[in-house]
């Protein structure tokens, strides 16, 4: 959690949004336009130690669906297999998920 606190210390929402857009904007945009779940699938994949079979079980979908979604992710983001690129994307996905959780809570409160 220390990594997230450092990222949020500036209280600069604009910089955070720029980072998210530059890193995973193509995924989130694709998901919004098509009602897809590429973003959440990739986050689950990282959370499952990059294991497609475990990801599929966690999400309740077929392993081939996970693999197809990951292929679509690569088309949108380019190759993300290097450790530094994967970390950057994983951090962006985690921040995105935290923002989605906060948005959901704010919506429920109103």
N, C-alpha and C. Protein backbone atom coordinates (compact mmCIF):
# COMPACT_ATOMS: atom_id res chain seq x y z
N UNK A 1 0.81 -1.20 0.00
CA UNK A 1 0.00 0.00 0.00
C UNK A 1 0.86 1.27 0.00
N UNK A 2 2.11 1.16 0.41
CA UNK A 2 2.98 2.34 0.44
C UNK A 2 3.12 2.94 -0.96
N UNK A 3 3.19 2.09 -1.98
CA UNK A 3 3.30 2.58 -3.35
C UNK A 3 2.12 3.47 -3.70
N UNK A 4 0.91 3.06 -3.32
CA UNK A 4 -0.27 3.84 -3.64
C UNK A 4 -0.29 5.16 -2.88
N UNK A 5 0.15 5.15 -1.62
CA UNK A 5 0.16 6.40 -0.86
C UNK A 5 1.13 7.40 -1.47
N UNK A 6 2.27 6.93 -1.98
CA UNK A 6 3.22 7.82 -2.63
C UNK A 6 2.59 8.42 -3.89
N UNK A 7 1.88 7.61 -4.64
CA UNK A 7 1.23 8.10 -5.86
C UNK A 7 0.14 9.13 -5.56
N UNK A 8 -0.55 8.95 -4.43
CA UNK A 8 -1.64 9.85 -4.09
C UNK A 8 -1.21 11.05 -3.27
N UNK A 9 0.04 11.10 -2.79
CA UNK A 9 0.49 12.19 -1.94
C UNK A 9 0.36 13.56 -2.58
N UNK A 10 0.51 13.65 -3.87
CA UNK A 10 0.45 14.94 -4.54
C UNK A 10 -0.96 15.49 -4.60
N UNK A 11 -1.95 14.65 -4.43
CA UNK A 11 -3.35 15.05 -4.54
C UNK A 11 -3.62 15.67 -5.91
N UNK A 12 -2.85 15.27 -6.88
CA UNK A 12 -2.98 15.79 -8.23
C UNK A 12 -3.75 14.78 -9.07
N UNK A 13 -5.06 14.93 -9.08
CA UNK A 13 -5.91 14.00 -9.82
C UNK A 13 -5.61 14.04 -11.32
N UNK A 14 -5.23 15.20 -11.82
CA UNK A 14 -4.91 15.33 -13.24
C UNK A 14 -3.73 14.46 -13.64
N UNK A 15 -2.68 14.44 -12.84
CA UNK A 15 -1.51 13.61 -13.13
C UNK A 15 -1.87 12.13 -13.07
N UNK A 16 -2.66 11.78 -12.08
CA UNK A 16 -3.09 10.39 -11.96
C UNK A 16 -3.92 9.97 -13.17
N UNK A 17 -4.85 10.82 -13.57
CA UNK A 17 -5.68 10.51 -14.74
C UNK A 17 -4.83 10.41 -16.01
N UNK A 18 -3.82 11.26 -16.13
CA UNK A 18 -2.93 11.21 -17.29
C UNK A 18 -2.17 9.89 -17.32
N UNK A 19 -1.67 9.47 -16.14
CA UNK A 19 -0.97 8.19 -16.04
C UNK A 19 -1.88 7.02 -16.44
N UNK A 20 -3.09 7.02 -15.88
CA UNK A 20 -4.03 5.93 -16.19
C UNK A 20 -4.39 5.92 -17.67
N UNK A 21 -4.64 7.08 -18.23
CA UNK A 21 -5.01 7.16 -19.63
C UNK A 21 -3.87 6.69 -20.53
N UNK A 22 -2.65 7.11 -20.20
CA UNK A 22 -1.49 6.72 -21.02
C UNK A 22 -1.19 5.23 -20.89
N UNK A 23 -1.47 4.67 -19.74
CA UNK A 23 -1.09 3.28 -19.49
C UNK A 23 -2.18 2.29 -19.90
N UNK A 24 -3.41 2.54 -19.48
CA UNK A 24 -4.50 1.58 -19.75
C UNK A 24 -5.73 2.23 -20.39
N UNK A 25 -5.57 3.45 -20.85
CA UNK A 25 -6.70 4.17 -21.45
C UNK A 25 -7.33 3.43 -22.62
N UNK A 26 -6.51 2.78 -23.44
CA UNK A 26 -7.04 2.03 -24.58
C UNK A 26 -7.95 0.89 -24.11
N UNK A 27 -7.58 0.26 -22.99
CA UNK A 27 -8.40 -0.83 -22.45
C UNK A 27 -9.72 -0.32 -21.89
N UNK A 28 -9.63 0.69 -21.04
CA UNK A 28 -10.86 1.19 -20.41
C UNK A 28 -11.81 1.77 -21.45
N UNK A 29 -11.26 2.44 -22.45
CA UNK A 29 -12.08 2.98 -23.52
C UNK A 29 -12.77 1.86 -24.31
N UNK A 30 -12.00 0.84 -24.64
CA UNK A 30 -12.55 -0.32 -25.36
C UNK A 30 -13.68 -0.96 -24.56
N UNK A 31 -13.46 -1.14 -23.27
CA UNK A 31 -14.47 -1.77 -22.42
C UNK A 31 -15.75 -0.93 -22.36
N UNK A 32 -15.60 0.39 -22.24
CA UNK A 32 -16.78 1.28 -22.19
C UNK A 32 -17.56 1.22 -23.49
N UNK A 33 -16.86 1.26 -24.60
CA UNK A 33 -17.51 1.29 -25.91
C UNK A 33 -18.20 -0.03 -26.25
N UNK A 34 -17.59 -1.14 -25.85
CA UNK A 34 -18.08 -2.45 -26.28
C UNK A 34 -18.70 -3.29 -25.17
N UNK A 35 -18.72 -2.75 -23.97
CA UNK A 35 -19.25 -3.53 -22.85
C UNK A 35 -18.41 -4.76 -22.57
N UNK A 36 -17.12 -4.64 -22.83
CA UNK A 36 -16.19 -5.76 -22.65
C UNK A 36 -15.60 -5.75 -21.25
N UNK A 37 -14.81 -6.76 -20.94
CA UNK A 37 -14.19 -6.89 -19.63
C UNK A 37 -12.69 -7.14 -19.72
N UNK A 38 -12.05 -6.49 -20.68
CA UNK A 38 -10.61 -6.68 -20.84
C UNK A 38 -9.84 -6.16 -19.63
N UNK A 39 -10.24 -5.01 -19.12
CA UNK A 39 -9.53 -4.39 -17.99
C UNK A 39 -9.60 -5.27 -16.76
N UNK A 40 -10.80 -5.70 -16.41
CA UNK A 40 -10.95 -6.54 -15.21
C UNK A 40 -10.31 -7.92 -15.41
N UNK A 41 -10.31 -8.42 -16.63
CA UNK A 41 -9.66 -9.70 -16.90
C UNK A 41 -8.15 -9.60 -16.71
N UNK A 42 -7.56 -8.52 -17.20
CA UNK A 42 -6.12 -8.36 -17.06
C UNK A 42 -5.74 -8.18 -15.59
N UNK A 43 -6.53 -7.44 -14.84
CA UNK A 43 -6.25 -7.29 -13.41
C UNK A 43 -6.34 -8.64 -12.71
N UNK A 44 -7.37 -9.40 -13.01
CA UNK A 44 -7.50 -10.74 -12.42
C UNK A 44 -6.32 -11.63 -12.81
N UNK A 45 -5.88 -11.52 -14.04
CA UNK A 45 -4.74 -12.30 -14.53
C UNK A 45 -3.48 -11.98 -13.72
N UNK A 46 -3.23 -10.70 -13.49
CA UNK A 46 -2.09 -10.31 -12.66
C UNK A 46 -2.27 -10.82 -11.23
N UNK A 47 -3.48 -10.68 -10.70
CA UNK A 47 -3.75 -11.13 -9.33
C UNK A 47 -3.62 -12.64 -9.17
N UNK A 48 -3.75 -13.37 -10.26
CA UNK A 48 -3.62 -14.83 -10.25
C UNK A 48 -2.22 -15.26 -10.72
N UNK A 49 -1.25 -14.40 -10.52
CA UNK A 49 0.14 -14.70 -10.88
C UNK A 49 0.32 -15.05 -12.35
N UNK A 50 -0.43 -14.37 -13.19
CA UNK A 50 -0.37 -14.54 -14.63
C UNK A 50 -0.63 -15.98 -15.06
N UNK A 51 -1.61 -16.59 -14.42
CA UNK A 51 -2.01 -17.95 -14.72
C UNK A 51 -3.42 -17.91 -15.32
N UNK A 52 -3.52 -18.23 -16.60
CA UNK A 52 -4.80 -18.13 -17.31
C UNK A 52 -5.84 -19.10 -16.74
N UNK A 53 -5.43 -20.30 -16.37
CA UNK A 53 -6.37 -21.28 -15.84
C UNK A 53 -6.96 -20.82 -14.51
N UNK A 54 -6.12 -20.31 -13.63
CA UNK A 54 -6.60 -19.81 -12.34
C UNK A 54 -7.49 -18.58 -12.54
N UNK A 55 -7.11 -17.72 -13.47
CA UNK A 55 -7.92 -16.54 -13.78
C UNK A 55 -9.30 -16.95 -14.26
N UNK A 56 -9.35 -17.92 -15.14
CA UNK A 56 -10.63 -18.40 -15.67
C UNK A 56 -11.51 -18.95 -14.54
N UNK A 57 -10.91 -19.73 -13.66
CA UNK A 57 -11.68 -20.28 -12.54
C UNK A 57 -12.21 -19.17 -11.64
N UNK A 58 -11.37 -18.19 -11.35
CA UNK A 58 -11.78 -17.08 -10.48
C UNK A 58 -12.92 -16.28 -11.11
N UNK A 59 -12.83 -16.08 -12.43
CA UNK A 59 -13.84 -15.27 -13.11
C UNK A 59 -15.06 -16.07 -13.56
N UNK A 60 -14.97 -17.39 -13.48
CA UNK A 60 -16.08 -18.22 -13.90
C UNK A 60 -16.28 -18.25 -15.41
N UNK A 61 -15.16 -18.19 -16.13
CA UNK A 61 -15.20 -18.24 -17.59
C UNK A 61 -14.23 -19.32 -18.07
N UNK A 62 -14.30 -19.65 -19.35
CA UNK A 62 -13.43 -20.67 -19.92
C UNK A 62 -12.02 -20.11 -20.11
N UNK A 63 -11.01 -20.95 -19.95
CA UNK A 63 -9.62 -20.53 -20.09
C UNK A 63 -9.34 -19.96 -21.48
N UNK A 64 -10.00 -20.47 -22.50
CA UNK A 64 -9.81 -19.92 -23.85
C UNK A 64 -10.34 -18.49 -23.95
N UNK A 65 -11.39 -18.18 -23.19
CA UNK A 65 -11.91 -16.81 -23.16
C UNK A 65 -10.87 -15.88 -22.56
N UNK A 66 -10.21 -16.33 -21.50
CA UNK A 66 -9.13 -15.54 -20.90
C UNK A 66 -8.03 -15.31 -21.92
N UNK A 67 -7.62 -16.34 -22.60
CA UNK A 67 -6.55 -16.22 -23.59
C UNK A 67 -6.94 -15.29 -24.73
N UNK A 68 -8.19 -15.37 -25.19
CA UNK A 68 -8.65 -14.47 -26.24
C UNK A 68 -8.66 -13.02 -25.77
N UNK A 69 -9.09 -12.81 -24.54
CA UNK A 69 -9.10 -11.46 -23.99
C UNK A 69 -7.68 -10.91 -23.85
N UNK A 70 -6.76 -11.76 -23.41
CA UNK A 70 -5.36 -11.33 -23.28
C UNK A 70 -4.76 -10.99 -24.64
N UNK A 71 -5.15 -11.72 -25.67
CA UNK A 71 -4.69 -11.40 -27.03
C UNK A 71 -5.22 -10.04 -27.46
N UNK A 72 -6.47 -9.75 -27.11
CA UNK A 72 -7.05 -8.44 -27.41
C UNK A 72 -6.34 -7.34 -26.64
N UNK A 73 -5.98 -7.63 -25.39
CA UNK A 73 -5.22 -6.66 -24.58
C UNK A 73 -3.91 -6.33 -25.27
N UNK A 74 -3.22 -7.35 -25.75
CA UNK A 74 -1.93 -7.12 -26.41
C UNK A 74 -2.11 -6.30 -27.69
N UNK A 75 -3.20 -6.51 -28.40
CA UNK A 75 -3.46 -5.70 -29.59
C UNK A 75 -3.64 -4.23 -29.23
N UNK A 76 -4.29 -3.98 -28.09
CA UNK A 76 -4.57 -2.61 -27.68
C UNK A 76 -3.37 -1.92 -27.01
N UNK A 77 -2.63 -2.66 -26.20
CA UNK A 77 -1.53 -2.08 -25.42
C UNK A 77 -0.16 -2.34 -26.00
N UNK A 78 -0.06 -3.24 -26.94
CA UNK A 78 1.25 -3.67 -27.41
C UNK A 78 1.80 -4.73 -26.47
N UNK A 79 3.02 -5.15 -26.73
CA UNK A 79 3.63 -6.20 -25.90
C UNK A 79 3.85 -5.69 -24.48
N UNK A 80 3.37 -6.44 -23.51
CA UNK A 80 3.50 -6.04 -22.11
C UNK A 80 4.18 -7.13 -21.28
N UNK A 81 5.00 -7.94 -21.93
CA UNK A 81 5.64 -9.07 -21.26
C UNK A 81 6.86 -8.72 -20.41
N UNK A 82 7.48 -7.56 -20.64
CA UNK A 82 8.64 -7.23 -19.82
C UNK A 82 8.19 -6.89 -18.40
N UNK A 83 9.06 -7.16 -17.45
CA UNK A 83 8.72 -6.96 -16.04
C UNK A 83 8.35 -5.51 -15.74
N UNK A 84 9.10 -4.56 -16.27
CA UNK A 84 8.82 -3.16 -15.97
C UNK A 84 7.50 -2.70 -16.58
N UNK A 85 7.21 -3.14 -17.81
CA UNK A 85 5.94 -2.77 -18.45
C UNK A 85 4.77 -3.44 -17.73
N UNK A 86 4.93 -4.69 -17.35
CA UNK A 86 3.87 -5.40 -16.63
C UNK A 86 3.59 -4.73 -15.28
N UNK A 87 4.64 -4.29 -14.59
CA UNK A 87 4.45 -3.61 -13.31
C UNK A 87 3.70 -2.30 -13.50
N UNK A 88 4.10 -1.54 -14.50
CA UNK A 88 3.44 -0.27 -14.78
C UNK A 88 1.94 -0.48 -15.04
N UNK A 89 1.64 -1.47 -15.85
CA UNK A 89 0.24 -1.76 -16.17
C UNK A 89 -0.50 -2.27 -14.93
N UNK A 90 0.13 -3.13 -14.16
CA UNK A 90 -0.51 -3.67 -12.96
C UNK A 90 -0.82 -2.56 -11.96
N UNK A 91 0.11 -1.65 -11.76
CA UNK A 91 -0.13 -0.52 -10.85
C UNK A 91 -1.29 0.33 -11.38
N UNK A 92 -1.30 0.59 -12.68
CA UNK A 92 -2.40 1.38 -13.27
C UNK A 92 -3.73 0.66 -13.08
N UNK A 93 -3.75 -0.65 -13.29
CA UNK A 93 -4.98 -1.42 -13.10
C UNK A 93 -5.46 -1.38 -11.66
N UNK A 94 -4.52 -1.49 -10.74
CA UNK A 94 -4.88 -1.45 -9.31
C UNK A 94 -5.44 -0.07 -8.95
N UNK A 95 -4.80 0.99 -9.42
CA UNK A 95 -5.31 2.33 -9.17
C UNK A 95 -6.68 2.53 -9.81
N UNK A 96 -6.85 2.01 -11.01
CA UNK A 96 -8.14 2.06 -11.70
C UNK A 96 -9.20 1.37 -10.86
N UNK A 97 -8.87 0.18 -10.34
CA UNK A 97 -9.86 -0.57 -9.54
C UNK A 97 -10.20 0.17 -8.25
N UNK A 98 -9.21 0.82 -7.65
CA UNK A 98 -9.48 1.61 -6.45
C UNK A 98 -10.39 2.79 -6.78
N UNK A 99 -10.16 3.41 -7.91
CA UNK A 99 -11.02 4.51 -8.35
C UNK A 99 -12.42 4.05 -8.65
N UNK A 100 -12.55 2.87 -9.25
CA UNK A 100 -13.87 2.31 -9.54
C UNK A 100 -14.61 2.01 -8.24
N UNK A 101 -13.90 1.49 -7.25
CA UNK A 101 -14.52 1.20 -5.96
C UNK A 101 -15.00 2.48 -5.30
N UNK A 102 -14.20 3.52 -5.37
CA UNK A 102 -14.58 4.80 -4.78
C UNK A 102 -15.78 5.39 -5.50
N UNK A 103 -15.80 5.30 -6.83
CA UNK A 103 -16.93 5.81 -7.61
C UNK A 103 -18.20 5.07 -7.26
N UNK A 104 -18.11 3.76 -7.09
CA UNK A 104 -19.28 2.96 -6.73
C UNK A 104 -19.80 3.37 -5.35
N UNK A 105 -18.90 3.55 -4.41
CA UNK A 105 -19.30 3.97 -3.07
C UNK A 105 -19.96 5.36 -3.08
N UNK A 106 -19.40 6.27 -3.86
CA UNK A 106 -19.97 7.62 -3.97
C UNK A 106 -21.35 7.57 -4.60
N UNK A 107 -21.54 6.73 -5.60
CA UNK A 107 -22.84 6.59 -6.26
C UNK A 107 -23.88 6.03 -5.31
N UNK A 108 -23.47 5.05 -4.50
CA UNK A 108 -24.39 4.44 -3.55
C UNK A 108 -24.77 5.40 -2.44
N UNK A 109 -23.88 6.35 -2.10
CA UNK A 109 -24.14 7.29 -1.02
C UNK A 109 -25.14 8.37 -1.43
N UNK A 110 -25.26 8.62 -2.73
CA UNK A 110 -26.18 9.68 -3.19
C UNK A 110 -27.55 9.19 -3.48
